[in-house]
N, C-alpha and C. Protein backbone atom coordinates (compact mmCIF):
# COMPACT_ATOMS: atom_id res chain seq x y z
N MET A 1 -12.35 -3.79 5.29
CA MET A 1 -11.86 -4.88 4.48
C MET A 1 -11.86 -6.73 4.72
N ASN A 2 -12.59 -7.23 4.65
CA ASN A 2 -12.56 -8.57 5.53
C ASN A 2 -11.84 -9.41 4.31
N HIS A 3 -10.84 -9.95 4.81
CA HIS A 3 -10.33 -11.37 4.36
C HIS A 3 -10.75 -12.43 4.76
N SER A 4 -10.55 -13.66 3.57
CA SER A 4 -11.04 -14.83 4.02
C SER A 4 -10.52 -15.55 5.33
N LEU A 5 -9.25 -15.17 5.03
CA LEU A 5 -8.32 -15.79 6.14
C LEU A 5 -8.06 -14.83 7.10
N GLN A 6 -8.19 -15.10 8.55
CA GLN A 6 -7.45 -13.68 9.41
C GLN A 6 -6.39 -14.72 10.70
N TYR A 7 -5.82 -14.29 11.05
CA TYR A 7 -4.60 -14.68 11.62
C TYR A 7 -4.92 -14.36 13.22
N SER A 8 -3.99 -14.98 14.34
CA SER A 8 -3.84 -14.41 15.35
C SER A 8 -2.23 -14.14 15.36
N ILE A 9 -1.69 -13.52 16.51
CA ILE A 9 -0.10 -13.26 16.50
C ILE A 9 0.39 -14.79 16.76
N ASN A 10 -0.35 -15.86 17.34
CA ASN A 10 0.42 -17.05 17.44
C ASN A 10 0.45 -17.73 16.05
N ASP A 11 -0.63 -17.69 15.32
CA ASP A 11 -0.46 -17.82 13.72
C ASP A 11 0.73 -17.65 12.84
N ILE A 12 0.78 -16.33 13.01
CA ILE A 12 1.95 -15.64 12.42
C ILE A 12 3.43 -16.26 13.06
N ASN A 13 3.82 -16.60 13.98
CA ASN A 13 4.59 -16.79 14.84
C ASN A 13 5.24 -18.28 14.43
N THR A 14 3.81 -19.18 14.30
CA THR A 14 4.38 -20.62 13.97
C THR A 14 4.16 -20.61 12.52
N MET A 15 4.23 -19.55 11.69
CA MET A 15 4.36 -19.98 10.12
C MET A 15 5.77 -20.22 9.68
N ASP A 16 5.91 -21.04 8.78
CA ASP A 16 7.38 -21.29 8.20
C ASP A 16 7.59 -19.67 7.06
N HIS A 17 8.69 -19.76 6.78
CA HIS A 17 9.20 -19.21 5.53
C HIS A 17 8.23 -18.72 4.42
N ARG A 18 7.93 -19.60 3.76
CA ARG A 18 7.28 -19.72 2.88
C ARG A 18 5.88 -19.00 2.79
N THR A 19 5.20 -20.02 4.15
CA THR A 19 3.82 -19.07 3.82
C THR A 19 3.86 -17.93 4.94
N PHE A 20 4.86 -17.56 5.64
CA PHE A 20 4.55 -15.90 6.09
C PHE A 20 4.52 -14.88 4.97
N VAL A 21 5.81 -15.42 3.81
CA VAL A 21 6.15 -14.38 3.07
C VAL A 21 4.71 -14.57 2.15
N LYS A 22 4.30 -15.39 1.50
CA LYS A 22 2.90 -15.60 0.61
C LYS A 22 1.70 -14.51 1.18
N VAL A 23 1.86 -14.65 2.70
CA VAL A 23 0.83 -14.07 3.16
C VAL A 23 1.04 -12.37 3.55
N PHE A 24 2.44 -12.13 3.44
CA PHE A 24 2.78 -10.72 3.63
C PHE A 24 2.73 -9.91 2.73
N SER A 25 3.25 -10.50 1.75
CA SER A 25 3.74 -10.13 0.30
C SER A 25 3.13 -8.96 -0.23
N SER A 26 1.72 -9.26 -0.16
CA SER A 26 0.31 -8.73 -0.62
C SER A 26 0.34 -7.58 0.47
N VAL A 27 0.76 -7.29 1.60
CA VAL A 27 0.78 -5.70 2.14
C VAL A 27 1.43 -4.87 1.49
N PHE A 28 2.37 -4.91 0.38
CA PHE A 28 3.43 -4.07 0.18
C PHE A 28 3.15 -4.52 -1.56
N GLU A 29 2.23 -4.61 -2.09
CA GLU A 29 2.12 -4.75 -3.15
C GLU A 29 2.69 -5.96 -3.87
N ASP A 30 2.50 -7.30 -3.63
CA ASP A 30 3.30 -8.31 -3.72
C ASP A 30 4.88 -7.78 -4.08
N THR A 31 5.36 -7.39 -3.19
CA THR A 31 6.85 -6.99 -3.05
C THR A 31 7.26 -7.83 -1.95
N PRO A 32 7.76 -9.26 -2.04
CA PRO A 32 8.36 -10.12 -1.20
C PRO A 32 9.25 -9.76 -0.33
N TRP A 33 10.61 -9.06 -0.92
CA TRP A 33 11.64 -8.98 0.16
C TRP A 33 11.58 -8.38 1.31
N ILE A 34 10.35 -7.45 1.72
CA ILE A 34 9.92 -6.67 2.79
C ILE A 34 9.75 -7.85 3.80
N ALA A 35 8.53 -8.97 3.37
CA ALA A 35 8.06 -9.89 3.97
C ALA A 35 9.25 -11.12 4.58
N GLU A 36 10.01 -11.24 3.72
CA GLU A 36 11.24 -12.33 3.70
C GLU A 36 12.26 -11.34 4.66
N ARG A 37 12.48 -10.23 4.59
CA ARG A 37 13.35 -9.80 5.82
C ARG A 37 12.87 -9.37 7.05
N THR A 38 11.31 -9.42 7.32
CA THR A 38 11.01 -8.99 8.54
C THR A 38 10.62 -10.44 9.11
N TRP A 39 10.39 -11.54 8.64
CA TRP A 39 10.12 -12.93 8.91
C TRP A 39 11.69 -13.20 9.54
N ASP A 40 12.42 -12.44 9.19
CA ASP A 40 13.98 -13.22 9.31
C ASP A 40 14.48 -12.79 11.37
N GLN A 41 13.12 -11.89 11.47
CA GLN A 41 12.83 -11.40 13.06
C GLN A 41 11.91 -11.59 13.79
N SER A 42 10.99 -12.90 13.37
CA SER A 42 10.54 -13.75 14.24
C SER A 42 10.99 -14.07 15.33
N PRO A 43 10.20 -14.55 16.42
CA PRO A 43 9.02 -14.17 16.62
C PRO A 43 8.43 -12.52 17.06
N PHE A 44 7.34 -12.71 16.73
CA PHE A 44 6.59 -11.10 16.85
C PHE A 44 5.78 -11.36 18.57
N ASN A 45 5.98 -9.83 19.14
CA ASN A 45 5.43 -9.67 20.32
C ASN A 45 3.97 -9.38 20.06
N SER A 46 3.14 -8.73 18.67
CA SER A 46 2.27 -8.06 18.76
C SER A 46 1.78 -8.31 17.46
N VAL A 47 0.58 -7.50 16.97
CA VAL A 47 0.56 -6.74 15.64
C VAL A 47 1.33 -5.61 15.69
N GLU A 48 1.46 -5.29 16.56
CA GLU A 48 2.06 -3.75 16.34
C GLU A 48 3.53 -3.94 16.22
N SER A 49 4.68 -4.76 17.09
CA SER A 49 5.75 -5.29 16.35
C SER A 49 5.57 -5.48 15.16
N LEU A 50 4.82 -6.39 14.58
CA LEU A 50 4.86 -6.39 13.21
C LEU A 50 4.88 -5.58 12.06
N ILE A 51 3.90 -4.65 12.35
CA ILE A 51 3.84 -3.90 11.24
C ILE A 51 5.13 -2.70 11.75
N ASN A 52 5.56 -2.68 13.01
CA ASN A 52 6.81 -1.69 12.86
C ASN A 52 8.37 -2.29 12.28
N LEU A 53 7.87 -3.78 12.67
CA LEU A 53 9.12 -4.22 11.67
C LEU A 53 9.23 -4.13 10.31
N MET A 54 7.79 -4.55 9.58
CA MET A 54 7.71 -4.22 8.33
C MET A 54 8.28 -2.77 7.86
N CYS A 55 7.14 -2.10 8.37
CA CYS A 55 8.08 -0.36 8.40
C CYS A 55 9.38 -0.23 8.30
N GLN A 56 10.28 -0.59 9.10
CA GLN A 56 11.52 -0.76 9.31
C GLN A 56 12.14 -1.23 8.14
N VAL A 57 12.06 -2.05 8.09
CA VAL A 57 12.27 -2.76 6.72
C VAL A 57 12.12 -1.87 5.38
N VAL A 58 11.49 -1.28 5.25
CA VAL A 58 11.03 -0.38 4.14
C VAL A 58 11.85 1.14 4.43
N ILE A 59 11.48 1.53 5.91
CA ILE A 59 12.73 2.80 5.96
C ILE A 59 14.13 2.40 5.86
N ASP A 60 14.82 1.34 6.17
CA ASP A 60 16.37 1.09 5.92
C ASP A 60 16.62 0.37 4.48
N ALA A 61 15.54 0.07 3.71
CA ALA A 61 16.05 0.05 2.36
C ALA A 61 17.06 1.47 1.43
N ASP A 62 17.59 0.74 0.83
CA ASP A 62 18.55 1.84 0.03
C ASP A 62 17.20 2.65 -1.18
N TYR A 63 17.21 4.02 -1.78
CA TYR A 63 16.80 4.78 -1.92
C TYR A 63 16.14 3.52 -3.60
N GLU A 64 17.00 3.04 -4.27
CA GLU A 64 16.59 2.10 -5.52
C GLU A 64 15.56 1.11 -5.33
N ARG A 65 15.46 0.60 -4.19
CA ARG A 65 14.26 -0.41 -3.35
C ARG A 65 13.23 0.19 -3.28
N GLN A 66 13.08 1.54 -2.22
CA GLN A 66 12.00 2.38 -1.82
C GLN A 66 11.52 2.50 -3.00
N MET A 67 12.21 3.24 -4.44
CA MET A 67 11.43 3.37 -5.75
C MET A 67 11.11 2.48 -6.57
N THR A 68 11.43 1.35 -6.28
CA THR A 68 10.84 0.16 -6.78
C THR A 68 9.36 0.09 -6.08
N LEU A 69 9.37 -0.17 -4.77
CA LEU A 69 8.64 -0.07 -3.74
C LEU A 69 7.21 0.95 -4.45
N LEU A 70 7.62 2.15 -4.67
CA LEU A 70 6.59 2.98 -5.02
C LEU A 70 5.84 2.45 -6.46
N ARG A 71 6.75 2.55 -7.31
CA ARG A 71 6.62 2.38 -8.49
C ARG A 71 5.65 0.55 -8.74
N ALA A 72 5.91 0.02 -8.25
CA ALA A 72 4.88 -1.35 -8.08
C ALA A 72 3.33 -1.21 -7.42
N HIS A 73 3.52 0.25 -7.28
CA HIS A 73 1.56 0.65 -6.65
C HIS A 73 0.98 0.66 -7.71
N PRO A 74 -0.29 0.62 -7.97
CA PRO A 74 -1.09 0.37 -9.37
C PRO A 74 -1.50 2.17 -9.30
N GLU A 75 -1.88 2.45 -10.22
CA GLU A 75 -2.57 3.85 -10.46
C GLU A 75 -3.83 4.06 -9.90
N LEU A 76 -4.48 4.81 -9.15
CA LEU A 76 -5.32 5.00 -9.21
C LEU A 76 -6.63 5.06 -9.96
N GLY A 77 -7.32 4.12 -10.71
CA GLY A 77 -8.60 3.82 -11.18
C GLY A 77 -8.05 3.60 -12.41
N ALA A 78 -6.80 3.12 -12.74
CA ALA A 78 -6.60 2.38 -13.63
C ALA A 78 -6.98 1.21 -14.21
N SER A 79 -6.91 0.47 -15.38
CA SER A 79 -7.16 -0.93 -15.55
C SER A 79 -6.25 -1.74 -15.75
N GLU A 80 -5.21 -1.41 -15.34
CA GLU A 80 -3.92 -2.32 -14.92
C GLU A 80 -4.42 -3.31 -13.96
N LYS A 81 -3.43 -4.50 -14.00
CA LYS A 81 -3.84 -5.53 -12.91
C LYS A 81 -2.99 -5.14 -11.84
N MET A 82 -3.71 -5.79 -10.64
CA MET A 82 -3.35 -4.95 -9.54
C MET A 82 -3.72 -6.30 -8.67
N THR A 83 -3.40 -6.13 -6.84
CA THR A 83 -3.47 -6.88 -5.99
C THR A 83 -5.31 -6.93 -5.56
N ALA A 84 -5.78 -8.38 -5.23
CA ALA A 84 -6.81 -7.86 -4.83
C ALA A 84 -7.16 -7.04 -3.95
N LEU A 85 -6.16 -6.93 -2.58
CA LEU A 85 -6.09 -6.23 -1.62
C LEU A 85 -6.67 -4.32 -2.41
N SER A 86 -5.50 -3.92 -3.65
CA SER A 86 -5.78 -2.58 -4.36
C SER A 86 -7.16 -2.76 -4.46
N GLU A 87 -7.59 -3.39 -5.26
CA GLU A 87 -8.85 -3.73 -6.11
C GLU A 87 -10.27 -3.39 -5.13
N ALA A 88 -9.89 -4.02 -4.26
CA ALA A 88 -10.71 -3.59 -2.95
C ALA A 88 -11.03 -2.36 -2.47
N GLU A 89 -10.09 -2.00 -2.02
CA GLU A 89 -9.65 -0.63 -2.06
C GLU A 89 -9.98 0.20 -2.50
N GLN A 90 -9.61 0.18 -4.00
CA GLN A 90 -10.37 1.07 -4.63
C GLN A 90 -11.63 1.28 -5.17
N ALA A 91 -12.10 0.46 -5.25
CA ALA A 91 -13.73 -0.37 -5.13
C ALA A 91 -14.35 0.45 -4.21
N GLY A 92 -14.03 0.22 -2.74
CA GLY A 92 -14.36 0.90 -1.54
C GLY A 92 -14.33 2.18 -1.89
N ALA A 93 -13.68 2.77 -2.18
CA ALA A 93 -13.55 4.44 -2.58
C ALA A 93 -14.24 4.77 -3.79
N GLY A 94 -14.98 4.07 -4.32
CA GLY A 94 -15.90 4.46 -5.78
C GLY A 94 -14.99 4.65 -6.99
N ILE A 95 -13.46 4.06 -7.03
CA ILE A 95 -12.90 4.71 -7.91
C ILE A 95 -13.02 3.47 -9.40
N ARG A 96 -13.36 2.68 -8.73
CA ARG A 96 -13.59 1.53 -9.84
C ARG A 96 -14.90 1.08 -10.47
N ALA A 97 -15.84 2.24 -9.96
CA ALA A 97 -16.93 2.48 -10.66
C ALA A 97 -16.57 3.19 -11.94
N LYS A 98 -16.98 2.15 -12.84
CA LYS A 98 -17.15 2.56 -14.61
C LYS A 98 -17.58 3.96 -14.97
N THR A 99 -19.10 4.08 -14.27
CA THR A 99 -19.44 5.46 -14.41
C THR A 99 -19.29 6.77 -14.13
N ASP A 100 -18.23 6.33 -12.95
CA ASP A 100 -17.75 7.70 -11.97
C ASP A 100 -17.40 9.09 -12.91
N ASP A 101 -17.73 10.14 -12.95
CA ASP A 101 -17.63 11.22 -13.39
C ASP A 101 -16.24 11.69 -13.40
N GLY A 102 -15.60 11.47 -12.04
CA GLY A 102 -14.32 11.73 -11.95
C GLY A 102 -13.15 10.71 -12.20
N ARG A 103 -13.70 9.75 -13.23
CA ARG A 103 -12.35 9.21 -13.70
C ARG A 103 -12.05 9.90 -14.60
N ALA A 104 -12.16 10.66 -15.70
CA ALA A 104 -11.21 11.04 -16.62
C ALA A 104 -10.62 12.47 -15.76
N SER A 105 -11.12 13.20 -14.59
CA SER A 105 -9.84 13.68 -13.95
C SER A 105 -9.01 13.26 -13.51
N LEU A 106 -8.95 12.10 -12.89
CA LEU A 106 -8.44 11.23 -11.92
C LEU A 106 -7.34 10.75 -12.86
N ALA A 107 -7.65 10.11 -14.19
CA ALA A 107 -6.64 9.87 -15.03
C ALA A 107 -5.57 11.34 -15.65
N LYS A 108 -6.29 12.25 -15.89
CA LYS A 108 -5.49 13.39 -16.30
C LYS A 108 -4.55 13.91 -15.12
N LEU A 109 -4.62 13.65 -14.01
CA LEU A 109 -3.94 14.17 -12.87
C LEU A 109 -2.85 13.15 -12.59
N ASN A 110 -3.47 11.96 -12.91
CA ASN A 110 -2.46 10.92 -12.77
C ASN A 110 -1.27 10.95 -13.39
N LYS A 111 -1.83 11.35 -14.76
CA LYS A 111 -0.27 11.34 -16.08
C LYS A 111 0.35 12.38 -15.41
N GLU A 112 -0.60 14.00 -15.17
CA GLU A 112 0.62 15.03 -14.59
C GLU A 112 1.56 14.29 -13.50
N TYR A 113 0.75 13.52 -12.49
CA TYR A 113 1.84 13.28 -11.47
C TYR A 113 2.82 11.77 -11.95
N ARG A 114 2.57 11.21 -12.63
CA ARG A 114 3.81 10.25 -12.88
C ARG A 114 4.71 11.00 -13.45
N GLU A 115 4.44 11.99 -14.71
CA GLU A 115 5.35 12.47 -15.26
C GLU A 115 6.37 13.50 -14.59
N LYS A 116 5.51 13.84 -13.49
CA LYS A 116 6.55 14.89 -12.83
C LYS A 116 7.30 14.10 -11.28
N PHE A 117 7.06 13.07 -11.00
CA PHE A 117 7.51 12.54 -10.09
C PHE A 117 8.43 10.92 -10.30
N GLY A 118 7.47 10.24 -11.08
CA GLY A 118 8.04 8.79 -11.71
C GLY A 118 7.48 7.43 -10.97
N PHE A 119 6.69 8.19 -10.25
CA PHE A 119 6.09 6.97 -9.87
C PHE A 119 4.36 7.69 -9.74
N PRO A 120 3.70 6.06 -9.29
CA PRO A 120 2.37 6.97 -9.52
C PRO A 120 1.80 7.62 -7.94
N PHE A 121 0.94 8.13 -7.87
CA PHE A 121 0.43 8.81 -7.09
C PHE A 121 -0.06 7.59 -6.24
N ILE A 122 0.19 7.85 -4.82
CA ILE A 122 -0.18 6.96 -3.41
C ILE A 122 -0.73 7.27 -2.37
N VAL A 123 -1.88 7.21 -2.25
CA VAL A 123 -2.62 7.90 -1.07
C VAL A 123 -3.23 6.19 -0.07
N ALA A 124 -3.50 6.64 1.13
CA ALA A 124 -3.85 5.21 2.00
C ALA A 124 -5.69 5.87 1.57
N ILE A 125 -6.43 5.55 0.79
CA ILE A 125 -7.59 5.47 0.19
C ILE A 125 -9.17 5.29 1.62
N LYS A 126 -8.63 4.42 2.16
CA LYS A 126 -9.33 3.90 3.21
C LYS A 126 -9.90 4.91 3.93
N GLY A 127 -11.22 4.88 3.86
CA GLY A 127 -12.20 6.01 4.30
C GLY A 127 -12.47 7.41 3.34
N MET A 128 -11.96 7.25 2.26
CA MET A 128 -11.66 8.40 1.27
C MET A 128 -12.71 8.12 0.13
N ASN A 129 -13.51 9.27 -0.42
CA ASN A 129 -13.98 8.91 -1.49
C ASN A 129 -13.39 9.59 -2.90
N LEU A 130 -13.77 9.41 -3.84
CA LEU A 130 -13.28 9.87 -4.78
C LEU A 130 -12.86 11.06 -5.01
N SER A 131 -13.86 12.19 -4.63
CA SER A 131 -13.34 13.64 -4.92
C SER A 131 -12.50 14.19 -3.55
N GLN A 132 -12.49 13.41 -2.67
CA GLN A 132 -11.29 13.91 -1.59
C GLN A 132 -10.24 13.45 -2.07
N ILE A 133 -9.95 11.94 -3.04
CA ILE A 133 -8.81 11.12 -3.49
C ILE A 133 -8.04 12.80 -4.68
N ILE A 134 -8.80 13.19 -5.23
CA ILE A 134 -8.68 13.95 -6.38
C ILE A 134 -7.99 15.57 -5.66
N GLU A 135 -8.95 15.64 -4.66
CA GLU A 135 -8.57 17.01 -4.07
C GLU A 135 -6.96 16.89 -3.14
N ASN A 136 -6.59 15.54 -2.88
CA ASN A 136 -5.36 15.62 -2.59
C ASN A 136 -4.45 15.23 -3.39
N LEU A 137 -4.73 14.73 -4.60
CA LEU A 137 -3.56 14.34 -5.43
C LEU A 137 -3.59 15.78 -6.25
N THR A 138 -4.50 16.64 -6.20
CA THR A 138 -4.45 18.44 -6.95
C THR A 138 -2.96 18.55 -6.33
N GLY A 139 -3.67 18.95 -4.41
CA GLY A 139 -2.55 19.63 -3.93
C GLY A 139 -1.40 18.86 -3.67
N ARG A 140 -1.07 17.42 -3.76
CA ARG A 140 0.14 17.19 -3.73
C ARG A 140 0.87 17.24 -5.18
N LEU A 141 0.36 17.69 -6.54
CA LEU A 141 0.90 18.32 -7.31
C LEU A 141 2.18 18.94 -7.35
N HIS A 142 2.12 19.78 -6.58
CA HIS A 142 2.70 21.10 -5.63
C HIS A 142 3.82 20.87 -5.15
N ASN A 143 4.11 19.65 -4.63
CA ASN A 143 4.67 19.44 -4.41
C ASN A 143 6.17 19.39 -4.72
N ASP A 144 7.37 19.14 -4.00
CA ASP A 144 8.47 19.08 -5.01
C ASP A 144 9.11 17.22 -4.73
N LYS A 145 10.16 16.70 -5.76
CA LYS A 145 9.96 15.38 -5.98
C LYS A 145 10.08 14.66 -4.72
N ASP A 146 11.91 15.32 -3.89
CA ASP A 146 11.70 14.99 -2.20
C ASP A 146 10.70 14.98 -1.54
N THR A 147 9.84 15.90 -1.26
CA THR A 147 8.78 15.95 -0.15
C THR A 147 7.92 14.86 -0.67
N GLU A 148 7.42 14.99 -2.03
CA GLU A 148 6.75 13.51 -2.66
C GLU A 148 7.42 12.43 -2.01
N PHE A 149 8.21 12.38 -2.40
CA PHE A 149 8.93 11.00 -2.48
C PHE A 149 8.51 10.26 -0.99
N ARG A 150 8.96 11.31 0.21
CA ARG A 150 8.67 11.21 1.10
C ARG A 150 7.38 11.15 1.63
N GLU A 151 6.76 11.58 1.19
CA GLU A 151 5.42 11.35 1.25
C GLU A 151 4.43 10.21 0.79
N GLY A 152 4.95 9.40 -0.63
CA GLY A 152 4.78 8.54 -1.12
C GLY A 152 5.01 7.24 -0.14
N LEU A 153 6.33 7.09 0.36
CA LEU A 153 6.94 6.32 1.44
C LEU A 153 5.48 6.30 2.43
N ASP A 154 5.35 7.56 3.12
CA ASP A 154 4.40 7.37 4.08
C ASP A 154 3.04 6.83 4.34
N GLN A 155 2.49 7.35 3.04
CA GLN A 155 1.38 6.48 2.29
C GLN A 155 1.23 4.80 2.62
N VAL A 156 2.56 4.64 1.59
CA VAL A 156 2.63 3.20 1.70
C VAL A 156 2.64 2.46 2.98
N LEU A 157 3.54 3.12 4.47
CA LEU A 157 3.60 2.98 5.26
C LEU A 157 2.09 2.61 5.67
N LYS A 158 1.26 3.49 5.86
CA LYS A 158 -0.07 3.77 5.99
C LYS A 158 -1.06 2.62 5.75
N ILE A 159 -1.09 2.49 4.51
CA ILE A 159 -1.52 1.22 4.25
C ILE A 159 -1.32 0.28 4.19
N ALA A 160 -0.21 -0.23 4.59
CA ALA A 160 0.45 -1.52 4.68
C ALA A 160 -0.07 -1.63 6.53
N GLN A 161 0.01 -0.68 6.97
CA GLN A 161 -0.74 -0.95 8.66
C GLN A 161 -1.72 -1.23 8.52
N PHE A 162 -2.57 -0.49 7.51
CA PHE A 162 -4.70 -0.52 7.21
C PHE A 162 -4.29 -2.52 7.10
N ARG A 163 -3.82 -2.52 6.17
CA ARG A 163 -3.89 -4.25 5.55
C ARG A 163 -3.45 -5.37 6.40
N VAL A 164 -2.13 -4.81 7.42
CA VAL A 164 -1.69 -5.85 8.27
C VAL A 164 -2.78 -6.42 9.49
N HIS A 165 -3.29 -4.73 9.55
CA HIS A 165 -4.23 -4.80 10.65
C HIS A 165 -5.44 -5.63 10.04
N ASP A 166 -6.05 -5.34 8.81
CA ASP A 166 -6.89 -6.49 8.52
C ASP A 166 -7.10 -7.84 8.32
N LEU A 167 -5.76 -8.21 8.29
CA LEU A 167 -5.07 -9.70 8.30
C LEU A 167 -5.28 -10.37 9.71
N PHE A 168 -5.46 -9.60 10.89
CA PHE A 168 -5.91 -10.26 11.94
C PHE A 168 -6.79 -10.02 12.41
N ILE A 169 -6.66 -11.36 13.40
CA ILE A 169 -8.11 -11.51 14.18
C ILE A 169 -8.69 -10.25 15.03
N THR A 170 -9.81 -10.01 15.06
CA THR A 170 -10.04 -8.68 16.19
C THR A 170 -10.50 -9.77 17.25
N GLU A 171 -9.76 -9.20 18.52
CA GLU A 171 -10.11 -10.28 19.77
C GLU A 171 -10.71 -9.20 20.49
């Protein structure tokens, strides 16, 4: 995924609080508290240290904040409003195509998943196609709530890692 703006670690370290939060709140589905808490730990030594600090903010958050983060993610294939990053990721996996035969199946499975776990199915879809996503979703429907809560958070962190890397200039 290409962003119109890409940054160096020096660019990030010289951002003011407001700019940093604006740039990085989209990494976690417009959840600015993660970027706010991460900025407090700047300057960052590297892209990896920034990612690790952002992920640690999520890991250290209480259950309610983590659940709110999970619920902030859009349902795969839904027509609801979502961030530009989610829109592009879903389009890249073929989910946004209106003619795709798997959309009805995905919608049915998404509904089952949300009813069972209380948040949308989340998977880092980069490099996946619709049939792989449906297969993953079908398998994860067999998990218990605690396992799936942890898996959902792991997937959120994986998505964030992809997104942060996409924000940086490749050197």
